[in-house]
Amino acid sequence: LGVEFAKRLGADDLTAMRAKSADELLAAAKKNTGRVGEGTLDNLCIDGYVLPESLYKIFAAGRQHNVPLIAGTTKDEDRLFLAGVQAVVQAMAAIQPKTFSYEFRRTPDYAVAKKLGCFHGVELPYLFRYFPALLKFNADDERLSDLMIGYWTRFAHTGDPNGSGAPAWPTYNASARHVQVLDAGTQTVQPV
């Protein structure tokens, strides 16, 4: 599948694939060759009820549920996943003023993270405060975990992560694409 995806991208090798833009990756992912599971945005379990048509069509038409959203990625996230999250955040922000985006940048001090960097899902121990001793989390990690748990808890209660003295987390919208950086020194950035 990877070789065929590279062909859809017009890329001869991994270096050429990595040089592609997020838009090019999404366009290639949307191409459906007719096999089950390909065209990732178009071939989810469309059942006509819970998912009446492809997510791509639903979001492109602005027919997704209008609910507050927090969505984000990690610093070293796969570009295709990153592009998908960005597309969802942009589509939600078009209809929902309480849309929040984040990028998790903290690389924990344990062997797998040292090799893989800030990989997909590395933020989950922080969000659930699961710090096994062998993973070598420190006081900065614990503070970041407390901050994240506070953000997500307030969001679950009110649809807004802000409050309780935490650093402000501005909403994401078309004119100010704010992304909350979650790291030892949490800050808000505005992508170019």
N, C-alpha and C. Protein backbone atom coordinates (compact mmCIF):
# COMPACT_ATOMS: atom_id res chain seq x y z
N LEU A 1 0.82 -1.20 0.00
CA LEU A 1 0.00 0.00 0.00
C LEU A 1 0.86 1.26 0.00
N GLY A 2 1.97 1.23 0.74
CA GLY A 2 2.85 2.40 0.79
C GLY A 2 3.42 2.76 -0.56
N VAL A 3 3.82 1.74 -1.33
CA VAL A 3 4.39 1.98 -2.66
C VAL A 3 3.32 2.58 -3.57
N GLU A 4 2.09 2.05 -3.47
CA GLU A 4 1.01 2.58 -4.30
C GLU A 4 0.63 4.00 -3.88
N PHE A 5 0.69 4.28 -2.59
CA PHE A 5 0.41 5.64 -2.12
C PHE A 5 1.48 6.59 -2.65
N ALA A 6 2.73 6.16 -2.65
CA ALA A 6 3.81 6.99 -3.19
C ALA A 6 3.57 7.28 -4.67
N LYS A 7 3.07 6.30 -5.42
CA LYS A 7 2.77 6.52 -6.84
C LYS A 7 1.67 7.57 -7.00
N ARG A 8 0.64 7.49 -6.14
CA ARG A 8 -0.44 8.49 -6.20
C ARG A 8 0.09 9.89 -5.92
N LEU A 9 1.14 9.96 -5.08
CA LEU A 9 1.77 11.24 -4.76
C LEU A 9 2.71 11.72 -5.85
N GLY A 10 3.11 10.79 -6.74
CA GLY A 10 4.12 11.13 -7.73
C GLY A 10 5.50 11.19 -7.10
N ALA A 11 5.74 10.36 -6.10
CA ALA A 11 7.01 10.37 -5.37
C ALA A 11 7.73 9.05 -5.61
N ASP A 12 9.03 9.14 -5.88
CA ASP A 12 9.83 7.95 -6.15
C ASP A 12 10.41 7.29 -4.91
N ASP A 13 10.53 8.05 -3.82
CA ASP A 13 11.13 7.50 -2.62
C ASP A 13 10.59 8.24 -1.39
N LEU A 14 11.03 7.79 -0.21
CA LEU A 14 10.54 8.35 1.05
C LEU A 14 10.90 9.84 1.18
N THR A 15 12.06 10.22 0.71
CA THR A 15 12.47 11.64 0.77
C THR A 15 11.51 12.50 -0.05
N ALA A 16 11.14 12.03 -1.22
CA ALA A 16 10.20 12.77 -2.07
C ALA A 16 8.82 12.83 -1.41
N MET A 17 8.42 11.73 -0.75
CA MET A 17 7.13 11.74 -0.06
C MET A 17 7.13 12.76 1.07
N ARG A 18 8.23 12.81 1.84
CA ARG A 18 8.31 13.75 2.96
C ARG A 18 8.33 15.20 2.50
N ALA A 19 8.72 15.43 1.27
CA ALA A 19 8.77 16.80 0.74
C ALA A 19 7.40 17.31 0.28
N LYS A 20 6.42 16.43 0.22
CA LYS A 20 5.09 16.83 -0.24
C LYS A 20 4.38 17.68 0.82
N SER A 21 3.54 18.57 0.35
CA SER A 21 2.78 19.44 1.26
C SER A 21 1.61 18.66 1.88
N ALA A 22 1.05 19.24 2.92
CA ALA A 22 -0.11 18.62 3.56
C ALA A 22 -1.27 18.51 2.57
N ASP A 23 -1.48 19.52 1.75
CA ASP A 23 -2.56 19.47 0.76
C ASP A 23 -2.35 18.34 -0.24
N GLU A 24 -1.10 18.14 -0.68
CA GLU A 24 -0.80 17.05 -1.62
C GLU A 24 -1.05 15.69 -0.97
N LEU A 25 -0.68 15.56 0.31
CA LEU A 25 -0.91 14.30 1.02
C LEU A 25 -2.40 14.01 1.16
N LEU A 26 -3.18 15.04 1.51
CA LEU A 26 -4.62 14.84 1.65
C LEU A 26 -5.26 14.48 0.31
N ALA A 27 -4.84 15.14 -0.76
CA ALA A 27 -5.40 14.84 -2.08
C ALA A 27 -5.13 13.39 -2.46
N ALA A 28 -3.90 12.93 -2.20
CA ALA A 28 -3.56 11.54 -2.52
C ALA A 28 -4.34 10.58 -1.63
N ALA A 29 -4.55 10.93 -0.37
CA ALA A 29 -5.30 10.07 0.55
C ALA A 29 -6.76 9.96 0.13
N LYS A 30 -7.28 10.99 -0.48
CA LYS A 30 -8.69 11.01 -0.89
C LYS A 30 -8.93 10.20 -2.16
N LYS A 31 -7.86 9.94 -2.92
CA LYS A 31 -8.01 9.18 -4.16
C LYS A 31 -8.39 7.75 -3.83
N ASN A 32 -9.44 7.30 -4.43
CA ASN A 32 -9.94 5.96 -4.16
C ASN A 32 -9.64 5.09 -5.37
N THR A 33 -8.86 4.03 -5.16
CA THR A 33 -8.52 3.12 -6.25
C THR A 33 -9.50 1.97 -6.38
N GLY A 34 -10.52 1.96 -5.52
CA GLY A 34 -11.53 0.92 -5.60
C GLY A 34 -11.34 -0.21 -4.62
N ARG A 35 -10.25 -0.22 -3.88
CA ARG A 35 -10.03 -1.28 -2.90
C ARG A 35 -10.49 -0.82 -1.53
N VAL A 36 -11.03 -1.74 -0.74
CA VAL A 36 -11.50 -1.44 0.60
C VAL A 36 -10.35 -0.89 1.43
N GLY A 37 -10.62 0.21 2.14
CA GLY A 37 -9.62 0.79 3.03
C GLY A 37 -8.79 1.88 2.41
N GLU A 38 -8.80 2.01 1.08
CA GLU A 38 -8.02 3.07 0.45
C GLU A 38 -8.87 4.32 0.34
N GLY A 39 -8.22 5.46 0.16
CA GLY A 39 -8.93 6.73 0.16
C GLY A 39 -9.42 6.96 1.58
N THR A 40 -8.51 7.10 2.52
CA THR A 40 -8.81 7.04 3.95
C THR A 40 -9.97 7.92 4.38
N LEU A 41 -10.17 9.06 3.76
CA LEU A 41 -11.27 9.93 4.18
C LEU A 41 -12.59 9.50 3.56
N ASP A 42 -12.55 8.69 2.53
CA ASP A 42 -13.77 8.31 1.84
C ASP A 42 -14.23 6.89 2.13
N ASN A 43 -13.43 6.08 2.79
CA ASN A 43 -13.80 4.68 2.95
C ASN A 43 -13.89 4.23 4.40
N LEU A 44 -14.39 5.07 5.26
CA LEU A 44 -14.66 4.63 6.61
C LEU A 44 -15.95 3.83 6.56
N CYS A 45 -16.42 3.36 7.66
CA CYS A 45 -17.63 2.53 7.70
C CYS A 45 -18.87 3.38 7.47
N ILE A 46 -19.14 3.69 6.26
CA ILE A 46 -20.32 4.48 5.90
C ILE A 46 -21.51 3.55 5.96
N ASP A 47 -22.38 3.79 6.94
CA ASP A 47 -23.51 2.90 7.16
C ASP A 47 -24.85 3.53 6.80
N GLY A 48 -24.83 4.79 6.36
CA GLY A 48 -26.07 5.46 6.00
C GLY A 48 -26.85 6.00 7.18
N TYR A 49 -26.39 5.71 8.40
CA TYR A 49 -27.10 6.17 9.59
C TYR A 49 -26.17 7.00 10.48
N VAL A 50 -25.22 6.35 11.14
CA VAL A 50 -24.26 7.09 11.97
C VAL A 50 -23.33 7.90 11.08
N LEU A 51 -22.87 7.30 10.03
CA LEU A 51 -22.01 7.97 9.06
C LEU A 51 -22.68 7.84 7.69
N PRO A 52 -23.52 8.84 7.34
CA PRO A 52 -24.32 8.73 6.13
C PRO A 52 -23.53 8.83 4.83
N GLU A 53 -22.37 9.46 4.89
CA GLU A 53 -21.49 9.56 3.72
C GLU A 53 -20.07 9.81 4.23
N SER A 54 -19.13 9.99 3.33
CA SER A 54 -17.74 10.13 3.76
C SER A 54 -17.54 11.36 4.64
N LEU A 55 -16.61 11.24 5.57
CA LEU A 55 -16.30 12.39 6.43
C LEU A 55 -15.87 13.59 5.59
N TYR A 56 -15.12 13.34 4.55
CA TYR A 56 -14.68 14.44 3.69
C TYR A 56 -15.88 15.22 3.15
N LYS A 57 -16.88 14.52 2.66
CA LYS A 57 -18.06 15.19 2.10
C LYS A 57 -18.84 15.92 3.19
N ILE A 58 -18.97 15.29 4.35
CA ILE A 58 -19.71 15.91 5.46
C ILE A 58 -19.04 17.21 5.89
N PHE A 59 -17.73 17.16 6.12
CA PHE A 59 -17.01 18.36 6.58
C PHE A 59 -16.91 19.41 5.47
N ALA A 60 -16.72 18.99 4.23
CA ALA A 60 -16.63 19.95 3.12
C ALA A 60 -17.93 20.73 2.97
N ALA A 61 -19.06 20.09 3.28
CA ALA A 61 -20.36 20.75 3.18
C ALA A 61 -20.77 21.44 4.48
N GLY A 62 -19.94 21.33 5.54
CA GLY A 62 -20.26 21.97 6.81
C GLY A 62 -21.42 21.31 7.54
N ARG A 63 -21.62 20.01 7.31
CA ARG A 63 -22.74 19.30 7.93
C ARG A 63 -22.32 18.47 9.15
N GLN A 64 -21.10 18.66 9.64
CA GLN A 64 -20.68 17.95 10.86
C GLN A 64 -21.45 18.51 12.04
N HIS A 65 -21.48 17.77 13.14
CA HIS A 65 -22.16 18.24 14.34
C HIS A 65 -21.49 19.51 14.85
N ASN A 66 -22.30 20.48 15.19
CA ASN A 66 -21.81 21.78 15.65
C ASN A 66 -21.61 21.74 17.17
N VAL A 67 -20.49 21.18 17.59
CA VAL A 67 -20.17 21.05 19.02
C VAL A 67 -18.76 21.59 19.25
N PRO A 68 -18.46 22.07 20.45
CA PRO A 68 -17.09 22.51 20.76
C PRO A 68 -16.09 21.38 20.51
N LEU A 69 -14.88 21.76 20.14
CA LEU A 69 -13.87 20.77 19.78
C LEU A 69 -12.49 21.17 20.28
N ILE A 70 -11.76 20.20 20.84
CA ILE A 70 -10.31 20.31 21.04
C ILE A 70 -9.70 19.22 20.16
N ALA A 71 -8.79 19.61 19.32
CA ALA A 71 -8.09 18.64 18.48
C ALA A 71 -6.65 19.11 18.30
N GLY A 72 -5.75 18.16 18.21
CA GLY A 72 -4.36 18.55 18.03
C GLY A 72 -3.48 17.39 17.66
N THR A 73 -2.20 17.69 17.64
CA THR A 73 -1.19 16.74 17.21
C THR A 73 0.03 16.84 18.12
N THR A 74 1.00 16.01 17.83
CA THR A 74 2.28 16.09 18.51
C THR A 74 3.31 16.70 17.56
N LYS A 75 4.40 17.17 18.11
CA LYS A 75 5.44 17.86 17.33
C LYS A 75 5.95 17.01 16.18
N ASP A 76 6.14 15.73 16.40
CA ASP A 76 6.73 14.86 15.38
C ASP A 76 5.69 13.95 14.73
N GLU A 77 4.47 14.43 14.66
CA GLU A 77 3.36 13.67 14.10
C GLU A 77 3.58 13.39 12.63
N ASP A 78 3.05 12.29 12.16
CA ASP A 78 3.03 11.96 10.74
C ASP A 78 2.31 13.08 9.98
N ARG A 79 2.86 13.51 8.86
CA ARG A 79 2.30 14.65 8.12
C ARG A 79 0.90 14.41 7.62
N LEU A 80 0.58 13.18 7.24
CA LEU A 80 -0.76 12.89 6.75
C LEU A 80 -1.77 13.04 7.88
N PHE A 81 -1.44 12.55 9.07
CA PHE A 81 -2.32 12.71 10.23
C PHE A 81 -2.47 14.19 10.57
N LEU A 82 -1.35 14.91 10.55
CA LEU A 82 -1.35 16.34 10.84
C LEU A 82 -2.29 17.08 9.88
N ALA A 83 -2.19 16.75 8.60
CA ALA A 83 -3.04 17.40 7.60
C ALA A 83 -4.51 17.12 7.87
N GLY A 84 -4.83 15.89 8.25
CA GLY A 84 -6.21 15.55 8.56
C GLY A 84 -6.75 16.30 9.75
N VAL A 85 -5.94 16.42 10.81
CA VAL A 85 -6.37 17.16 12.00
C VAL A 85 -6.56 18.63 11.65
N GLN A 86 -5.64 19.19 10.87
CA GLN A 86 -5.77 20.60 10.48
C GLN A 86 -7.05 20.82 9.68
N ALA A 87 -7.37 19.90 8.80
CA ALA A 87 -8.60 20.04 8.00
C ALA A 87 -9.84 20.00 8.89
N VAL A 88 -9.85 19.10 9.87
CA VAL A 88 -10.99 19.00 10.79
C VAL A 88 -11.12 20.28 11.61
N VAL A 89 -10.01 20.77 12.14
CA VAL A 89 -10.03 21.99 12.96
C VAL A 89 -10.53 23.18 12.13
N GLN A 90 -10.04 23.31 10.92
CA GLN A 90 -10.48 24.42 10.07
C GLN A 90 -11.97 24.32 9.74
N ALA A 91 -12.43 23.11 9.42
CA ALA A 91 -13.85 22.93 9.10
C ALA A 91 -14.73 23.19 10.32
N MET A 92 -14.30 22.76 11.48
CA MET A 92 -15.09 23.00 12.70
C MET A 92 -15.11 24.49 13.02
N ALA A 93 -13.96 25.15 12.91
CA ALA A 93 -13.90 26.57 13.23
C ALA A 93 -14.81 27.40 12.33
N ALA A 94 -15.10 26.90 11.15
CA ALA A 94 -15.99 27.62 10.24
C ALA A 94 -17.43 27.65 10.75
N ILE A 95 -17.81 26.67 11.59
CA ILE A 95 -19.18 26.63 12.09
C ILE A 95 -19.28 26.71 13.61
N GLN A 96 -18.17 26.53 14.32
CA GLN A 96 -18.21 26.46 15.78
C GLN A 96 -17.16 27.39 16.38
N PRO A 97 -17.62 28.43 17.10
CA PRO A 97 -16.66 29.38 17.68
C PRO A 97 -15.79 28.79 18.79
N LYS A 98 -16.22 27.71 19.41
CA LYS A 98 -15.42 27.08 20.48
C LYS A 98 -14.62 25.91 19.91
N THR A 99 -13.67 26.25 19.03
CA THR A 99 -12.77 25.27 18.43
C THR A 99 -11.37 25.61 18.93
N PHE A 100 -10.70 24.60 19.49
CA PHE A 100 -9.38 24.80 20.09
C PHE A 100 -8.40 23.79 19.48
N SER A 101 -7.21 24.28 19.15
CA SER A 101 -6.19 23.44 18.54
C SER A 101 -4.94 23.43 19.42
N TYR A 102 -4.23 22.31 19.43
CA TYR A 102 -3.00 22.22 20.21
C TYR A 102 -1.92 21.46 19.46
N GLU A 103 -0.68 21.71 19.86
CA GLU A 103 0.45 20.89 19.45
C GLU A 103 1.21 20.52 20.71
N PHE A 104 1.34 19.24 20.96
CA PHE A 104 2.07 18.74 22.13
C PHE A 104 3.54 18.63 21.74
N ARG A 105 4.43 19.31 22.48
CA ARG A 105 5.85 19.35 22.12
C ARG A 105 6.78 18.72 23.16
N ARG A 106 6.26 18.21 24.22
CA ARG A 106 7.11 17.65 25.28
C ARG A 106 7.57 16.24 24.90
N THR A 107 8.87 16.04 24.82
CA THR A 107 9.41 14.71 24.58
C THR A 107 9.87 14.14 25.91
N PRO A 108 9.19 13.11 26.42
CA PRO A 108 9.57 12.55 27.71
C PRO A 108 10.97 11.96 27.69
N ASP A 109 11.54 11.83 28.86
CA ASP A 109 12.91 11.33 29.00
C ASP A 109 12.91 9.81 29.20
N TYR A 110 12.54 9.08 28.15
CA TYR A 110 12.66 7.62 28.20
C TYR A 110 13.06 7.12 26.82
N ALA A 111 13.56 5.89 26.78
CA ALA A 111 14.25 5.37 25.60
C ALA A 111 13.45 5.48 24.30
N VAL A 112 12.19 5.05 24.29
CA VAL A 112 11.41 5.08 23.05
C VAL A 112 11.24 6.50 22.56
N ALA A 113 10.93 7.43 23.45
CA ALA A 113 10.74 8.83 23.06
C ALA A 113 12.05 9.42 22.56
N LYS A 114 13.16 9.04 23.15
CA LYS A 114 14.46 9.56 22.69
C LYS A 114 14.74 9.13 21.25
N LYS A 115 14.24 7.95 20.87
CA LYS A 115 14.45 7.46 19.51
C LYS A 115 13.41 8.02 18.54
N LEU A 116 12.17 8.09 18.98
CA LEU A 116 11.07 8.47 18.08
C LEU A 116 10.67 9.94 18.18
N GLY A 117 11.14 10.64 19.19
CA GLY A 117 10.75 12.03 19.38
C GLY A 117 9.37 12.14 20.00
N CYS A 118 8.69 13.20 19.67
CA CYS A 118 7.36 13.48 20.21
C CYS A 118 6.32 12.83 19.29
N PHE A 119 6.18 11.51 19.41
CA PHE A 119 5.42 10.69 18.49
C PHE A 119 3.92 10.70 18.78
N HIS A 120 3.14 10.14 17.87
CA HIS A 120 1.68 10.07 17.98
C HIS A 120 1.29 9.38 19.29
N GLY A 121 0.46 10.03 20.08
CA GLY A 121 -0.05 9.46 21.32
C GLY A 121 0.81 9.70 22.55
N VAL A 122 1.98 10.34 22.39
CA VAL A 122 2.88 10.52 23.53
C VAL A 122 2.28 11.43 24.59
N GLU A 123 1.27 12.22 24.24
CA GLU A 123 0.63 13.11 25.21
C GLU A 123 -0.35 12.40 26.14
N LEU A 124 -0.75 11.19 25.81
CA LEU A 124 -1.79 10.51 26.58
C LEU A 124 -1.40 10.23 28.04
N PRO A 125 -0.16 9.83 28.36
CA PRO A 125 0.17 9.67 29.79
C PRO A 125 0.00 10.98 30.57
N TYR A 126 0.22 12.11 29.92
CA TYR A 126 0.04 13.41 30.58
C TYR A 126 -1.44 13.68 30.82
N LEU A 127 -2.25 13.37 29.84
CA LEU A 127 -3.68 13.64 29.94
C LEU A 127 -4.36 12.76 30.99
N PHE A 128 -3.83 11.56 31.20
CA PHE A 128 -4.42 10.64 32.17
C PHE A 128 -3.55 10.45 33.41
N ARG A 129 -2.51 11.25 33.52
CA ARG A 129 -1.57 11.21 34.64
C ARG A 129 -1.13 9.79 34.97
N TYR A 130 -0.62 9.14 33.96
CA TYR A 130 -0.11 7.78 34.09
C TYR A 130 1.40 7.84 33.90
N PHE A 131 2.11 7.87 35.00
CA PHE A 131 3.56 8.03 34.98
C PHE A 131 4.27 6.85 35.64
N PRO A 132 4.39 5.72 34.95
CA PRO A 132 5.14 4.60 35.54
C PRO A 132 6.58 5.02 35.83
N ALA A 133 7.12 4.51 36.91
CA ALA A 133 8.47 4.90 37.35
C ALA A 133 9.52 4.67 36.27
N LEU A 134 9.40 3.62 35.51
CA LEU A 134 10.42 3.33 34.51
C LEU A 134 10.46 4.34 33.37
N LEU A 135 9.44 5.18 33.24
CA LEU A 135 9.41 6.15 32.16
C LEU A 135 10.08 7.48 32.51
N LYS A 136 10.52 7.64 33.73
CA LYS A 136 11.34 8.79 34.15
C LYS A 136 10.67 10.15 33.94
N PHE A 137 9.46 10.31 34.39
CA PHE A 137 8.82 11.62 34.35
C PHE A 137 9.30 12.45 35.53
N ASN A 138 9.36 13.78 35.35
CA ASN A 138 9.87 14.65 36.41
C ASN A 138 8.82 15.70 36.80
N ALA A 139 9.23 16.66 37.61
CA ALA A 139 8.30 17.69 38.10
C ALA A 139 7.70 18.51 36.97
N ASP A 140 8.48 18.82 35.91
CA ASP A 140 7.93 19.54 34.76
C ASP A 140 6.83 18.73 34.08
N ASP A 141 7.05 17.42 33.98
CA ASP A 141 6.04 16.55 33.39
C ASP A 141 4.77 16.55 34.23
N GLU A 142 4.92 16.50 35.53
CA GLU A 142 3.75 16.51 36.42
C GLU A 142 2.98 17.82 36.31
N ARG A 143 3.70 18.95 36.22
CA ARG A 143 3.02 20.25 36.07
C ARG A 143 2.27 20.31 34.74
N LEU A 144 2.89 19.82 33.69
CA LEU A 144 2.23 19.81 32.39
C LEU A 144 0.99 18.91 32.43
N SER A 145 1.10 17.78 33.09
CA SER A 145 -0.04 16.88 33.23
C SER A 145 -1.19 17.59 33.96
N ASP A 146 -0.88 18.25 35.06
CA ASP A 146 -1.92 18.97 35.81
C ASP A 146 -2.59 20.03 34.94
N LEU A 147 -1.78 20.75 34.17
CA LEU A 147 -2.32 21.79 33.28
C LEU A 147 -3.26 21.17 32.25
N MET A 148 -2.82 20.09 31.61
CA MET A 148 -3.63 19.45 30.58
C MET A 148 -4.93 18.87 31.15
N ILE A 149 -4.83 18.22 32.29
CA ILE A 149 -6.04 17.67 32.92
C ILE A 149 -7.02 18.79 33.24
N GLY A 150 -6.51 19.91 33.71
CA GLY A 150 -7.37 21.06 33.97
C GLY A 150 -8.04 21.57 32.71
N TYR A 151 -7.27 21.71 31.63
CA TYR A 151 -7.84 22.17 30.37
C TYR A 151 -8.97 21.23 29.91
N TRP A 152 -8.68 19.93 29.87
CA TRP A 152 -9.66 18.98 29.36
C TRP A 152 -10.87 18.87 30.28
N THR A 153 -10.67 18.96 31.56
CA THR A 153 -11.80 18.88 32.50
C THR A 153 -12.72 20.08 32.34
N ARG A 154 -12.14 21.29 32.27
CA ARG A 154 -12.97 22.48 32.06
C ARG A 154 -13.69 22.41 30.72
N PHE A 155 -13.00 21.90 29.70
CA PHE A 155 -13.61 21.77 28.39
C PHE A 155 -14.80 20.80 28.45
N ALA A 156 -14.64 19.69 29.15
CA ALA A 156 -15.73 18.72 29.27
C ALA A 156 -16.94 19.32 29.99
N HIS A 157 -16.68 20.20 30.96
CA HIS A 157 -17.77 20.81 31.73
C HIS A 157 -18.44 21.98 31.00
N THR A 158 -17.64 22.78 30.27
CA THR A 158 -18.16 24.04 29.74
C THR A 158 -18.01 24.23 28.23
N GLY A 159 -17.21 23.37 27.58
CA GLY A 159 -16.92 23.59 26.16
C GLY A 159 -15.80 24.60 25.96
N ASP A 160 -15.11 24.96 27.05
CA ASP A 160 -14.02 25.94 26.99
C ASP A 160 -12.94 25.51 27.99
N PRO A 161 -11.69 25.34 27.54
CA PRO A 161 -10.63 24.88 28.44
C PRO A 161 -10.09 25.97 29.36
N ASN A 162 -10.46 27.20 29.16
CA ASN A 162 -9.88 28.31 29.91
C ASN A 162 -10.43 28.42 31.33
N GLY A 163 -9.58 29.00 32.21
CA GLY A 163 -10.00 29.26 33.58
C GLY A 163 -8.99 28.75 34.60
N SER A 164 -9.29 28.97 35.86
CA SER A 164 -8.49 28.50 37.00
C SER A 164 -7.02 28.94 36.93
N GLY A 165 -6.77 30.09 36.37
CA GLY A 165 -5.41 30.63 36.34
C GLY A 165 -4.48 29.99 35.33
N ALA A 166 -4.98 29.11 34.48
CA ALA A 166 -4.15 28.47 33.46
C ALA A 166 -3.83 29.47 32.36
N PRO A 167 -2.72 29.28 31.64
CA PRO A 167 -2.44 30.15 30.50
C PRO A 167 -3.63 30.16 29.54
N ALA A 168 -3.98 31.34 29.04
CA ALA A 168 -5.13 31.48 28.15
C ALA A 168 -4.94 30.62 26.90
N TRP A 169 -6.03 30.01 26.47
CA TRP A 169 -6.03 29.19 25.26
C TRP A 169 -7.04 29.81 24.30
N PRO A 170 -6.58 30.66 23.37
CA PRO A 170 -7.51 31.30 22.43
C PRO A 170 -8.14 30.28 21.47
N THR A 171 -9.30 30.62 20.97
CA THR A 171 -9.96 29.76 19.99
C THR A 171 -9.22 29.83 18.66
N TYR A 172 -9.44 28.82 17.87
CA TYR A 172 -8.90 28.75 16.52
C TYR A 172 -9.98 29.27 15.58
N ASN A 173 -9.62 30.19 14.70
CA ASN A 173 -10.56 30.64 13.67
C ASN A 173 -9.77 31.03 12.43
N ALA A 174 -10.47 31.30 11.33
CA ALA A 174 -9.81 31.56 10.05
C ALA A 174 -8.87 32.76 10.09
N SER A 175 -9.21 33.78 10.88
CA SER A 175 -8.37 34.98 10.89
C SER A 175 -7.23 34.90 11.89
N ALA A 176 -7.39 34.09 12.93
CA ALA A 176 -6.34 33.93 13.95
C ALA A 176 -6.23 32.44 14.27
N ARG A 177 -5.36 31.78 13.56
CA ARG A 177 -5.24 30.32 13.68
C ARG A 177 -4.38 29.96 14.89
N HIS A 178 -4.91 30.22 16.06
CA HIS A 178 -4.16 29.98 17.30
C HIS A 178 -4.00 28.48 17.57
N VAL A 179 -2.79 28.11 17.95
CA VAL A 179 -2.48 26.74 18.34
C VAL A 179 -1.82 26.80 19.70
N GLN A 180 -2.38 26.10 20.68
CA GLN A 180 -1.81 26.08 22.02
C GLN A 180 -0.65 25.08 22.04
N VAL A 181 0.52 25.55 22.39
CA VAL A 181 1.68 24.67 22.52
C VAL A 181 1.67 24.10 23.93
N LEU A 182 1.65 22.78 24.03
CA LEU A 182 1.65 22.11 25.33
C LEU A 182 3.05 21.55 25.56
N ASP A 183 3.76 22.18 26.48
CA ASP A 183 5.14 21.81 26.79
C ASP A 183 5.42 22.35 28.20
N ALA A 184 6.64 22.23 28.65
CA ALA A 184 6.99 22.71 29.98
C ALA A 184 6.67 24.20 30.14
N GLY A 185 6.81 24.99 29.08
CA GLY A 185 6.44 26.41 29.10
C GLY A 185 5.30 26.63 28.13
N THR A 186 4.08 26.31 28.52
CA THR A 186 2.93 26.40 27.62
C THR A 186 2.74 27.81 27.10
N GLN A 187 2.47 27.91 25.81
CA GLN A 187 2.29 29.19 25.16
C GLN A 187 1.32 29.03 23.99
N THR A 188 0.89 30.15 23.44
CA THR A 188 0.02 30.12 22.26
C THR A 188 0.83 30.65 21.09
N VAL A 189 0.72 29.96 19.96
CA VAL A 189 1.39 30.41 18.74
C VAL A 189 0.35 30.59 17.66
N GLN A 190 0.71 31.38 16.69
CA GLN A 190 -0.17 31.62 15.55
C GLN A 190 0.61 31.21 14.31
N PRO A 191 0.24 30.09 13.66
CA PRO A 191 0.98 29.63 12.49
C PRO A 191 0.94 30.64 11.35
N VAL A 192 1.96 30.60 10.54
CA VAL A 192 2.04 31.50 9.38
C VAL A 192 1.16 30.96 8.29
